[in-house]
Full PDB file with SEQRES, HELIX, SHEET, SSBOND, CRYST1, ORIGX, SCALE, CONECT and MASTER records, all heavy atoms in Angstrom:
SEQRES   1 A   39  CYS GLU GLN TYR THR GLN GLU GLU LEU ALA SER ALA LEU          
SEQRES   2 A   39  LEU ARG THR MET ALA LYS ASP LYS THR ALA VAL LYS VAL          
SEQRES   3 A   39  THR ILE THR PRO GLU LYS PRO LEU PRO ARG ARG HIS GLY          
HELIX    1 AA1 GLN A    6  MET A   17  1                                  12    
HELIX    2 AA2 LYS A   21  ALA A   23  5                                   3    
CRYST1    1.000    1.000    1.000  90.00  90.00  90.00 P 1           1          
ORIGX1      1.000000  0.000000  0.000000        0.00000                         
ORIGX2      0.000000  1.000000  0.000000        0.00000                         
ORIGX3      0.000000  0.000000  1.000000        0.00000                         
SCALE1      1.000000  0.000000  0.000000        0.00000                         
SCALE2      0.000000  1.000000  0.000000        0.00000                         
SCALE3      0.000000  0.000000  1.000000        0.00000                         
ATOM      1  N   CYS A   1     -10.880  49.322 -49.942  1.00  0.00           N  
ATOM      2  CA  CYS A   1     -10.728  47.916 -49.549  1.00  0.00           C  
ATOM      3  C   CYS A   1     -11.331  47.654 -48.182  1.00  0.00           C  
ATOM      4  O   CYS A   1     -11.774  46.531 -47.870  1.00  0.00           O  
ATOM      5  CB  CYS A   1      -9.257  47.516 -49.568  1.00  0.00           C  
ATOM      6  SG  CYS A   1      -8.562  47.403 -51.240  1.00  0.00           S  
ATOM      7  N   GLU A   2     -11.285  48.658 -47.292  1.00  0.00           N  
ATOM      8  CA  GLU A   2     -11.907  48.505 -45.994  1.00  0.00           C  
ATOM      9  C   GLU A   2     -13.417  48.529 -46.061  1.00  0.00           C  
ATOM     10  O   GLU A   2     -14.116  47.905 -45.250  1.00  0.00           O  
ATOM     11  CB  GLU A   2     -11.396  49.609 -45.046  1.00  0.00           C  
ATOM     12  CG  GLU A   2      -9.932  49.479 -44.675  1.00  0.00           C  
ATOM     13  CD  GLU A   2      -9.431  50.673 -43.859  1.00  0.00           C  
ATOM     14  OE1 GLU A   2     -10.274  51.592 -43.600  1.00  0.00           O  
ATOM     15  OE2 GLU A   2      -8.256  50.719 -43.541  1.00  0.00           O  
ATOM     16  N   GLN A   3     -13.958  49.258 -47.035  1.00  0.00           N  
ATOM     17  CA  GLN A   3     -15.417  49.445 -47.124  1.00  0.00           C  
ATOM     18  C   GLN A   3     -16.067  48.338 -47.944  1.00  0.00           C  
ATOM     19  O   GLN A   3     -17.212  47.948 -47.674  1.00  0.00           O  
ATOM     20  CB  GLN A   3     -15.728  50.791 -47.767  1.00  0.00           C  
ATOM     21  CG  GLN A   3     -17.203  51.152 -47.768  1.00  0.00           C  
ATOM     22  CD  GLN A   3     -17.426  52.554 -48.278  1.00  0.00           C  
ATOM     23  OE1 GLN A   3     -16.482  53.267 -48.584  1.00  0.00           O  
ATOM     24  NE2 GLN A   3     -18.688  52.973 -48.359  1.00  0.00           N  
ATOM     25  N   TYR A   4     -15.356  47.794 -48.968  1.00  0.00           N  
ATOM     26  CA  TYR A   4     -15.955  46.789 -49.867  1.00  0.00           C  
ATOM     27  C   TYR A   4     -15.041  45.556 -49.983  1.00  0.00           C  
ATOM     28  O   TYR A   4     -13.830  45.639 -49.759  1.00  0.00           O  
ATOM     29  CB  TYR A   4     -16.164  47.372 -51.286  1.00  0.00           C  
ATOM     30  CG  TYR A   4     -17.010  48.616 -51.309  1.00  0.00           C  
ATOM     31  CD1 TYR A   4     -16.428  49.887 -51.450  1.00  0.00           C  
ATOM     32  CD2 TYR A   4     -18.414  48.517 -51.204  1.00  0.00           C  
ATOM     33  CE1 TYR A   4     -17.213  51.018 -51.489  1.00  0.00           C  
ATOM     34  CE2 TYR A   4     -19.183  49.667 -51.250  1.00  0.00           C  
ATOM     35  CZ  TYR A   4     -18.585  50.916 -51.372  1.00  0.00           C  
ATOM     36  OH  TYR A   4     -19.362  52.043 -51.411  1.00  0.00           O  
ATOM     37  N   THR A   5     -15.661  44.450 -50.355  1.00  0.00           N  
ATOM     38  CA  THR A   5     -14.890  43.231 -50.605  1.00  0.00           C  
ATOM     39  C   THR A   5     -14.273  43.285 -52.001  1.00  0.00           C  
ATOM     40  O   THR A   5     -14.663  44.105 -52.831  1.00  0.00           O  
ATOM     41  CB  THR A   5     -15.790  41.976 -50.501  1.00  0.00           C  
ATOM     42  OG1 THR A   5     -16.769  42.026 -51.564  1.00  0.00           O  
ATOM     43  CG2 THR A   5     -16.495  41.923 -49.158  1.00  0.00           C  
ATOM     44  N   GLN A   6     -13.337  42.348 -52.276  1.00  0.00           N  
ATOM     45  CA  GLN A   6     -12.717  42.285 -53.583  1.00  0.00           C  
ATOM     46  C   GLN A   6     -13.758  41.998 -54.670  1.00  0.00           C  
ATOM     47  O   GLN A   6     -13.690  42.555 -55.770  1.00  0.00           O  
ATOM     48  CB  GLN A   6     -11.642  41.184 -53.582  1.00  0.00           C  
ATOM     49  CG  GLN A   6     -10.463  41.482 -52.698  1.00  0.00           C  
ATOM     50  CD  GLN A   6      -9.434  40.367 -52.730  1.00  0.00           C  
ATOM     51  OE1 GLN A   6      -9.649  39.311 -53.337  1.00  0.00           O  
ATOM     52  NE2 GLN A   6      -8.294  40.592 -52.088  1.00  0.00           N  
ATOM     53  N   GLU A   7     -14.729  41.092 -54.347  1.00  0.00           N  
ATOM     54  CA  GLU A   7     -15.752  40.749 -55.308  1.00  0.00           C  
ATOM     55  C   GLU A   7     -16.626  41.954 -55.652  1.00  0.00           C  
ATOM     56  O   GLU A   7     -16.997  42.176 -56.827  1.00  0.00           O  
ATOM     57  CB  GLU A   7     -16.640  39.608 -54.785  1.00  0.00           C  
ATOM     58  CG  GLU A   7     -15.974  38.244 -54.728  1.00  0.00           C  
ATOM     59  CD  GLU A   7     -15.033  38.093 -53.543  1.00  0.00           C  
ATOM     60  OE1 GLU A   7     -15.013  39.014 -52.691  1.00  0.00           O  
ATOM     61  OE2 GLU A   7     -14.300  37.083 -53.496  1.00  0.00           O  
ATOM     62  N   GLU A   8     -16.949  42.757 -54.665  1.00  0.00           N  
ATOM     63  CA  GLU A   8     -17.789  43.930 -54.895  1.00  0.00           C  
ATOM     64  C   GLU A   8     -17.047  44.972 -55.756  1.00  0.00           C  
ATOM     65  O   GLU A   8     -17.638  45.565 -56.661  1.00  0.00           O  
ATOM     66  CB  GLU A   8     -18.203  44.563 -53.562  1.00  0.00           C  
ATOM     67  CG  GLU A   8     -19.226  43.733 -52.797  1.00  0.00           C  
ATOM     68  CD  GLU A   8     -19.459  44.270 -51.375  1.00  0.00           C  
ATOM     69  OE1 GLU A   8     -18.566  44.906 -50.818  1.00  0.00           O  
ATOM     70  OE2 GLU A   8     -20.576  44.053 -50.862  1.00  0.00           O  
ATOM     71  N   LEU A   9     -15.771  45.145 -55.506  1.00  0.00           N  
ATOM     72  CA  LEU A   9     -14.986  46.088 -56.311  1.00  0.00           C  
ATOM     73  C   LEU A   9     -14.839  45.611 -57.749  1.00  0.00           C  
ATOM     74  O   LEU A   9     -14.974  46.381 -58.714  1.00  0.00           O  
ATOM     75  CB  LEU A   9     -13.606  46.304 -55.674  1.00  0.00           C  
ATOM     76  CG  LEU A   9     -13.588  47.073 -54.351  1.00  0.00           C  
ATOM     77  CD1 LEU A   9     -12.192  47.030 -53.723  1.00  0.00           C  
ATOM     78  CD2 LEU A   9     -14.026  48.515 -54.558  1.00  0.00           C  
ATOM     79  N   ALA A  10     -14.552  44.307 -57.914  1.00  0.00           N  
ATOM     80  CA  ALA A  10     -14.431  43.731 -59.268  1.00  0.00           C  
ATOM     81  C   ALA A  10     -15.758  43.824 -60.004  1.00  0.00           C  
ATOM     82  O   ALA A  10     -15.797  44.117 -61.203  1.00  0.00           O  
ATOM     83  CB  ALA A  10     -13.954  42.291 -59.189  1.00  0.00           C  
ATOM     84  N   SER A  11     -16.862  43.604 -59.296  1.00  0.00           N  
ATOM     85  CA  SER A  11     -18.180  43.696 -59.933  1.00  0.00           C  
ATOM     86  C   SER A  11     -18.477  45.114 -60.410  1.00  0.00           C  
ATOM     87  O   SER A  11     -18.977  45.325 -61.520  1.00  0.00           O  
ATOM     88  CB  SER A  11     -19.254  43.257 -58.920  1.00  0.00           C  
ATOM     89  OG  SER A  11     -20.565  43.465 -59.456  1.00  0.00           O  
ATOM     90  N   ALA A  12     -18.112  46.087 -59.601  1.00  0.00           N  
ATOM     91  CA  ALA A  12     -18.353  47.484 -59.977  1.00  0.00           C  
ATOM     92  C   ALA A  12     -17.480  47.845 -61.189  1.00  0.00           C  
ATOM     93  O   ALA A  12     -17.947  48.546 -62.095  1.00  0.00           O  
ATOM     94  CB  ALA A  12     -18.026  48.409 -58.792  1.00  0.00           C  
ATOM     95  N   LEU A  13     -16.259  47.365 -61.226  1.00  0.00           N  
ATOM     96  CA  LEU A  13     -15.370  47.661 -62.338  1.00  0.00           C  
ATOM     97  C   LEU A  13     -15.914  47.064 -63.629  1.00  0.00           C  
ATOM     98  O   LEU A  13     -15.940  47.702 -64.680  1.00  0.00           O  
ATOM     99  CB  LEU A  13     -13.951  47.137 -62.036  1.00  0.00           C  
ATOM    100  CG  LEU A  13     -12.898  47.387 -63.111  1.00  0.00           C  
ATOM    101  CD1 LEU A  13     -12.720  48.878 -63.365  1.00  0.00           C  
ATOM    102  CD2 LEU A  13     -11.577  46.760 -62.705  1.00  0.00           C  
ATOM    103  N   LEU A  14     -16.349  45.806 -63.557  1.00  0.00           N  
ATOM    104  CA  LEU A  14     -16.888  45.150 -64.760  1.00  0.00           C  
ATOM    105  C   LEU A  14     -18.157  45.820 -65.258  1.00  0.00           C  
ATOM    106  O   LEU A  14     -18.351  45.995 -66.457  1.00  0.00           O  
ATOM    107  CB  LEU A  14     -17.141  43.676 -64.487  1.00  0.00           C  
ATOM    108  CG  LEU A  14     -15.962  42.714 -64.597  1.00  0.00           C  
ATOM    109  CD1 LEU A  14     -16.363  41.308 -64.168  1.00  0.00           C  
ATOM    110  CD2 LEU A  14     -15.413  42.682 -65.996  1.00  0.00           C  
ATOM    111  N   ARG A  15     -19.032  46.182 -64.339  1.00  0.00           N  
ATOM    112  CA  ARG A  15     -20.264  46.854 -64.737  1.00  0.00           C  
ATOM    113  C   ARG A  15     -19.981  48.167 -65.433  1.00  0.00           C  
ATOM    114  O   ARG A  15     -20.670  48.576 -66.348  1.00  0.00           O  
ATOM    115  CB  ARG A  15     -21.186  47.085 -63.512  1.00  0.00           C  
ATOM    116  CG  ARG A  15     -21.875  45.825 -63.020  1.00  0.00           C  
ATOM    117  CD  ARG A  15     -23.086  46.207 -62.161  1.00  0.00           C  
ATOM    118  NE  ARG A  15     -22.788  47.160 -61.139  1.00  0.00           N  
ATOM    119  CZ  ARG A  15     -22.363  46.868 -59.895  1.00  0.00           C  
ATOM    120  NH1 ARG A  15     -22.158  45.589 -59.564  1.00  0.00           N  
ATOM    121  NH2 ARG A  15     -22.134  47.790 -59.007  1.00  0.00           N  
ATOM    122  N   THR A  16     -18.937  48.853 -64.975  1.00  0.00           N  
ATOM    123  CA  THR A  16     -18.572  50.141 -65.580  1.00  0.00           C  
ATOM    124  C   THR A  16     -18.002  49.945 -66.974  1.00  0.00           C  
ATOM    125  O   THR A  16     -18.332  50.714 -67.898  1.00  0.00           O  
ATOM    126  CB  THR A  16     -17.534  50.852 -64.700  1.00  0.00           C  
ATOM    127  OG1 THR A  16     -18.083  51.049 -63.413  1.00  0.00           O  
ATOM    128  CG2 THR A  16     -17.170  52.199 -65.304  1.00  0.00           C  
ATOM    129  N   MET A  17     -17.169  48.917 -67.179  1.00  0.00           N  
ATOM    130  CA  MET A  17     -16.487  48.757 -68.444  1.00  0.00           C  
ATOM    131  C   MET A  17     -17.329  47.983 -69.455  1.00  0.00           C  
ATOM    132  O   MET A  17     -17.113  48.135 -70.651  1.00  0.00           O  
ATOM    133  CB  MET A  17     -15.147  48.031 -68.203  1.00  0.00           C  
ATOM    134  CG  MET A  17     -14.251  48.782 -67.242  1.00  0.00           C  
ATOM    135  SD  MET A  17     -12.637  48.023 -67.024  1.00  0.00           S  
ATOM    136  CE  MET A  17     -11.829  48.499 -68.531  1.00  0.00           C  
ATOM    137  N   ALA A  18     -18.259  47.156 -68.998  1.00  0.00           N  
ATOM    138  CA  ALA A  18     -19.131  46.422 -69.908  1.00  0.00           C  
ATOM    139  C   ALA A  18     -20.542  46.923 -69.766  1.00  0.00           C  
ATOM    140  O   ALA A  18     -21.415  46.271 -69.181  1.00  0.00           O  
ATOM    141  CB  ALA A  18     -19.045  44.907 -69.631  1.00  0.00           C  
ATOM    142  N   LYS A  19     -20.780  48.136 -70.281  1.00  0.00           N  
ATOM    143  CA  LYS A  19     -22.075  48.781 -70.121  1.00  0.00           C  
ATOM    144  C   LYS A  19     -23.107  48.145 -71.048  1.00  0.00           C  
ATOM    145  O   LYS A  19     -22.767  47.576 -72.085  1.00  0.00           O  
ATOM    146  CB  LYS A  19     -21.964  50.277 -70.417  1.00  0.00           C  
ATOM    147  CG  LYS A  19     -21.105  51.032 -69.425  1.00  0.00           C  
ATOM    148  CD  LYS A  19     -21.027  52.493 -69.804  1.00  0.00           C  
ATOM    149  CE  LYS A  19     -20.156  53.291 -68.825  1.00  0.00           C  
ATOM    150  NZ  LYS A  19     -20.042  54.708 -69.194  1.00  0.00           N  
ATOM    151  N   ASP A  20     -24.389  48.289 -70.676  1.00  0.00           N  
ATOM    152  CA  ASP A  20     -25.469  47.860 -71.548  1.00  0.00           C  
ATOM    153  C   ASP A  20     -25.677  48.957 -72.589  1.00  0.00           C  
ATOM    154  O   ASP A  20     -26.440  49.886 -72.394  1.00  0.00           O  
ATOM    155  CB  ASP A  20     -26.737  47.613 -70.733  1.00  0.00           C  
ATOM    156  CG  ASP A  20     -27.898  47.164 -71.627  1.00  0.00           C  
ATOM    157  OD1 ASP A  20     -27.648  46.837 -72.809  1.00  0.00           O  
ATOM    158  OD2 ASP A  20     -29.055  47.155 -71.132  1.00  0.00           O  
ATOM    159  N   LYS A  21     -24.995  48.808 -73.729  1.00  0.00           N  
ATOM    160  CA  LYS A  21     -25.034  49.872 -74.727  1.00  0.00           C  
ATOM    161  C   LYS A  21     -26.375  50.008 -75.415  1.00  0.00           C  
ATOM    162  O   LYS A  21     -26.727  51.062 -75.925  1.00  0.00           O  
ATOM    163  CB  LYS A  21     -23.922  49.619 -75.755  1.00  0.00           C  
ATOM    164  CG  LYS A  21     -22.519  49.678 -75.162  1.00  0.00           C  
ATOM    165  CD  LYS A  21     -21.473  49.338 -76.176  1.00  0.00           C  
ATOM    166  CE  LYS A  21     -20.077  49.390 -75.534  1.00  0.00           C  
ATOM    167  NZ  LYS A  21     -19.023  48.982 -76.478  1.00  0.00           N  
ATOM    168  N   THR A  22     -27.140  48.914 -75.457  1.00  0.00           N  
ATOM    169  CA  THR A  22     -28.438  48.982 -76.136  1.00  0.00           C  
ATOM    170  C   THR A  22     -29.432  49.837 -75.368  1.00  0.00           C  
ATOM    171  O   THR A  22     -30.475  50.205 -75.889  1.00  0.00           O  
ATOM    172  CB  THR A  22     -29.023  47.570 -76.321  1.00  0.00           C  
ATOM    173  OG1 THR A  22     -29.108  46.911 -75.035  1.00  0.00           O  
ATOM    174  CG2 THR A  22     -28.130  46.743 -77.239  1.00  0.00           C  
ATOM    175  N   ALA A  23     -29.112  50.167 -74.112  1.00  0.00           N  
ATOM    176  CA  ALA A  23     -30.008  51.041 -73.346  1.00  0.00           C  
ATOM    177  C   ALA A  23     -30.030  52.439 -73.936  1.00  0.00           C  
ATOM    178  O   ALA A  23     -30.978  53.188 -73.698  1.00  0.00           O  
ATOM    179  CB  ALA A  23     -29.552  51.078 -71.888  1.00  0.00           C  
ATOM    180  N   VAL A  24     -28.993  52.803 -74.680  1.00  0.00           N  
ATOM    181  CA  VAL A  24     -28.976  54.117 -75.332  1.00  0.00           C  
ATOM    182  C   VAL A  24     -29.724  53.989 -76.667  1.00  0.00           C  
ATOM    183  O   VAL A  24     -29.302  53.267 -77.567  1.00  0.00           O  
ATOM    184  CB  VAL A  24     -27.523  54.560 -75.593  1.00  0.00           C  
ATOM    185  CG1 VAL A  24     -27.506  55.915 -76.302  1.00  0.00           C  
ATOM    186  CG2 VAL A  24     -26.753  54.627 -74.288  1.00  0.00           C  
ATOM    187  N   LYS A  25     -30.823  54.686 -76.796  1.00  0.00           N  
ATOM    188  CA  LYS A  25     -31.646  54.593 -78.001  1.00  0.00           C  
ATOM    189  C   LYS A  25     -31.070  55.465 -79.099  1.00  0.00           C  
ATOM    190  O   LYS A  25     -30.762  56.637 -78.891  1.00  0.00           O  
ATOM    191  CB  LYS A  25     -33.083  55.044 -77.695  1.00  0.00           C  
ATOM    192  CG  LYS A  25     -33.791  54.182 -76.656  1.00  0.00           C  
ATOM    193  CD  LYS A  25     -33.874  52.708 -77.093  1.00  0.00           C  
ATOM    194  CE  LYS A  25     -34.566  51.864 -76.050  1.00  0.00           C  
ATOM    195  NZ  LYS A  25     -34.573  50.444 -76.457  1.00  0.00           N  
ATOM    196  N   VAL A  26     -30.906  54.893 -80.246  1.00  0.00           N  
ATOM    197  CA  VAL A  26     -30.362  55.562 -81.413  1.00  0.00           C  
ATOM    198  C   VAL A  26     -31.318  55.405 -82.566  1.00  0.00           C  
ATOM    199  O   VAL A  26     -31.794  54.312 -82.879  1.00  0.00           O  
ATOM    200  CB  VAL A  26     -28.980  55.018 -81.823  1.00  0.00           C  
ATOM    201  CG1 VAL A  26     -28.500  55.648 -83.116  1.00  0.00           C  
ATOM    202  CG2 VAL A  26     -27.966  55.234 -80.703  1.00  0.00           C  
ATOM    203  N   THR A  27     -31.648  56.523 -83.238  1.00  0.00           N  
ATOM    204  CA  THR A  27     -32.570  56.498 -84.372  1.00  0.00           C  
ATOM    205  C   THR A  27     -31.790  56.807 -85.655  1.00  0.00           C  
ATOM    206  O   THR A  27     -31.138  57.841 -85.748  1.00  0.00           O  
ATOM    207  CB  THR A  27     -33.696  57.523 -84.199  1.00  0.00           C  
ATOM    208  OG1 THR A  27     -34.409  57.233 -82.979  1.00  0.00           O  
ATOM    209  CG2 THR A  27     -34.664  57.459 -85.381  1.00  0.00           C  
ATOM    210  N   ILE A  28     -31.846  55.890 -86.584  1.00  0.00           N  
ATOM    211  CA  ILE A  28     -31.230  56.071 -87.889  1.00  0.00           C  
ATOM    212  C   ILE A  28     -32.341  56.244 -88.924  1.00  0.00           C  
ATOM    213  O   ILE A  28     -33.231  55.422 -89.032  1.00  0.00           O  
ATOM    214  CB  ILE A  28     -30.334  54.861 -88.277  1.00  0.00           C  
ATOM    215  CG1 ILE A  28     -29.313  54.583 -87.184  1.00  0.00           C  
ATOM    216  CG2 ILE A  28     -29.649  55.101 -89.609  1.00  0.00           C  
ATOM    217  CD1 ILE A  28     -28.312  55.690 -86.960  1.00  0.00           C  
ATOM    218  N   THR A  29     -32.268  57.343 -89.674  1.00  0.00           N  
ATOM    219  CA  THR A  29     -33.319  57.638 -90.658  1.00  0.00           C  
ATOM    220  C   THR A  29     -33.360  56.524 -91.729  1.00  0.00           C  
ATOM    221  O   THR A  29     -32.334  56.205 -92.349  1.00  0.00           O  
ATOM    222  CB  THR A  29     -33.066  58.970 -91.372  1.00  0.00           C  
ATOM    223  OG1 THR A  29     -32.937  60.004 -90.365  1.00  0.00           O  
ATOM    224  CG2 THR A  29     -34.202  59.300 -92.312  1.00  0.00           C  
ATOM    225  N   PRO A  30     -34.510  55.875 -91.920  1.00  0.00           N  
ATOM    226  CA  PRO A  30     -34.590  54.790 -92.916  1.00  0.00           C  
ATOM    227  C   PRO A  30     -34.326  55.309 -94.340  1.00  0.00           C  
ATOM    228  O   PRO A  30     -34.633  56.434 -94.674  1.00  0.00           O  
ATOM    229  CB  PRO A  30     -36.045  54.304 -92.774  1.00  0.00           C  
ATOM    230  CG  PRO A  30     -36.529  54.833 -91.488  1.00  0.00           C  
ATOM    231  CD  PRO A  30     -35.791  56.094 -91.250  1.00  0.00           C  
ATOM    232  N   GLU A  31     -33.710  54.462 -95.153  1.00  0.00           N  
ATOM    233  CA  GLU A  31     -33.519  54.749 -96.560  1.00  0.00           C  
ATOM    234  C   GLU A  31     -34.182  53.661 -97.378  1.00  0.00           C  
ATOM    235  O   GLU A  31     -34.295  52.521 -96.945  1.00  0.00           O  
ATOM    236  CB  GLU A  31     -32.014  54.835 -96.902  1.00  0.00           C  
ATOM    237  CG  GLU A  31     -31.344  56.059 -96.344  1.00  0.00           C  
ATOM    238  CD  GLU A  31     -29.938  56.237 -96.921  1.00  0.00           C  
ATOM    239  OE1 GLU A  31     -29.528  55.383 -97.725  1.00  0.00           O  
ATOM    240  OE2 GLU A  31     -29.278  57.213 -96.566  1.00  0.00           O  
ATOM    241  N   LYS A  32     -34.583  54.046 -98.571  1.00  0.00           N  
ATOM    242  CA  LYS A  32     -35.255  53.088 -99.426  1.00  0.00           C  
ATOM    243  C   LYS A  32     -34.220  52.017 -99.881  1.00  0.00           C  
ATOM    244  O   LYS A  32     -33.093  52.337-100.238  1.00  0.00           O  
ATOM    245  CB  LYS A  32     -35.832  53.768-100.680  1.00  0.00           C  
ATOM    246  CG  LYS A  32     -36.980  54.697-100.366  1.00  0.00           C  
ATOM    247  CD  LYS A  32     -37.532  55.320-101.645  1.00  0.00           C  
ATOM    248  CE  LYS A  32     -38.685  56.243-101.350  1.00  0.00           C  
ATOM    249  NZ  LYS A  32     -39.213  56.875-102.597  1.00  0.00           N  
ATOM    250  N   PRO A  33     -34.657  50.726 -99.880  1.00  0.00           N  
ATOM    251  CA  PRO A  33     -33.755  49.706-100.394  1.00  0.00           C  
ATOM    252  C   PRO A  33     -33.569  49.838-101.893  1.00  0.00           C  
ATOM    253  O   PRO A  33     -34.391  50.462-102.572  1.00  0.00           O  
ATOM    254  CB  PRO A  33     -34.482  48.407-100.024  1.00  0.00           C  
ATOM    255  CG  PRO A  33     -35.912  48.761 -99.958  1.00  0.00           C  
ATOM    256  CD  PRO A  33     -35.940  50.189 -99.423  1.00  0.00           C  
ATOM    257  N   LEU A  34     -32.490  49.289-102.419  1.00  0.00           N  
ATOM    258  CA  LEU A  34     -32.322  49.287-103.861  1.00  0.00           C  
ATOM    259  C   LEU A  34     -33.412  48.433-104.502  1.00  0.00           C  
ATOM    260  O   LEU A  34     -33.926  47.489-103.895  1.00  0.00           O  
ATOM    261  CB  LEU A  34     -30.945  48.700-104.220  1.00  0.00           C  
ATOM    262  CG  LEU A  34     -29.755  49.572-103.789  1.00  0.00           C  
ATOM    263  CD1 LEU A  34     -28.443  48.894-104.198  1.00  0.00           C  
ATOM    264  CD2 LEU A  34     -29.844  50.954-104.359  1.00  0.00           C  
ATOM    265  N   PRO A  35     -33.842  48.782-105.715  1.00  0.00           N  
ATOM    266  CA  PRO A  35     -34.994  48.128-106.310  1.00  0.00           C  
ATOM    267  C   PRO A  35     -34.727  46.663-106.654  1.00  0.00           C  
ATOM    268  O   PRO A  35     -33.584  46.226-106.832  1.00  0.00           O  
ATOM    269  CB  PRO A  35     -35.217  48.933-107.585  1.00  0.00           C  
ATOM    270  CG  PRO A  35     -33.899  49.488-107.928  1.00  0.00           C  
ATOM    271  CD  PRO A  35     -33.243  49.766-106.611  1.00  0.00           C  
ATOM    272  N   ARG A  36     -35.843  45.913-106.723  1.00  0.00           N  
ATOM    273  CA  ARG A  36     -35.726  44.524-107.181  1.00  0.00           C  
ATOM    274  C   ARG A  36     -35.329  44.500-108.655  1.00  0.00           C  
ATOM    275  O   ARG A  36     -35.525  45.469-109.395  1.00  0.00           O  
ATOM    276  CB  ARG A  36     -37.081  43.801-107.026  1.00  0.00           C  
ATOM    277  CG  ARG A  36     -37.521  43.571-105.587  1.00  0.00           C  
ATOM    278  CD  ARG A  36     -38.865  42.878-105.593  1.00  0.00           C  
ATOM    279  NE  ARG A  36     -39.350  42.652-104.241  1.00  0.00           N  
ATOM    280  CZ  ARG A  36     -39.111  41.583-103.537  1.00  0.00           C  
ATOM    281  NH1 ARG A  36     -38.335  40.640-104.059  1.00  0.00           N  
ATOM    282  NH2 ARG A  36     -39.587  41.446-102.332  1.00  0.00           N  
ATOM    283  N   ARG A  37     -34.834  43.344-109.090  1.00  0.00           N  
ATOM    284  CA  ARG A  37     -34.485  43.224-110.485  1.00  0.00           C  
ATOM    285  C   ARG A  37     -35.762  42.950-111.286  1.00  0.00           C  
ATOM    286  O   ARG A  37     -36.595  42.180-110.907  1.00  0.00           O  
ATOM    287  CB  ARG A  37     -33.476  42.050-110.663  1.00  0.00           C  
ATOM    288  CG  ARG A  37     -32.997  41.900-112.075  1.00  0.00           C  
ATOM    289  CD  ARG A  37     -31.952  40.789-112.155  1.00  0.00           C  
ATOM    290  NE  ARG A  37     -32.552  39.514-111.823  1.00  0.00           N  
ATOM    291  CZ  ARG A  37     -31.870  38.475-111.381  1.00  0.00           C  
ATOM    292  NH1 ARG A  37     -30.585  38.563-111.150  1.00  0.00           N  
ATOM    293  NH2 ARG A  37     -32.482  37.321-111.113  1.00  0.00           N  
ATOM    294  N   HIS A  38     -35.840  43.567-112.448  1.00  0.00           N  
ATOM    295  CA  HIS A  38     -36.988  43.359-113.347  1.00  0.00           C  
ATOM    296  C   HIS A  38     -36.500  43.000-114.714  1.00  0.00           C  
ATOM    297  O   HIS A  38     -35.383  43.355-115.127  1.00  0.00           O  
ATOM    298  CB  HIS A  38     -37.855  44.632-113.416  1.00  0.00           C  
ATOM    299  CG  HIS A  38     -38.477  45.000-112.120  1.00  0.00           C  
ATOM    300  ND1 HIS A  38     -39.495  44.262-111.553  1.00  0.00           N  
ATOM    301  CD2 HIS A  38     -38.201  46.006-111.254  1.00  0.00           C  
ATOM    302  CE1 HIS A  38     -39.830  44.838-110.401  1.00  0.00           C  
ATOM    303  NE2 HIS A  38     -39.065  45.898-110.205  1.00  0.00           N  
ATOM    304  N   GLY A  39     -37.298  42.309-115.456  1.00  0.00           N  
ATOM    305  CA  GLY A  39     -36.976  41.996-116.849  1.00  0.00           C  
ATOM    306  C   GLY A  39     -36.157  40.743-116.968  1.00  0.00           C  
ATOM    307  O   GLY A  39     -35.721  40.120-116.007  1.00  0.00           O  
TER     308      GLY A  39                                                      
MASTER        0    0    0    2    0    0    0    6  307    1    0    3          
END                                                                             
């Protein structure tokens, strides 16, 4: 509290708890879609 303001501490807490999850790249192996209807 002596080193930072309340706003700075709250900002750090929010940034920690609400991370940018899309920054983590995830690869999911593609699968073939189910076929179209015929006939």
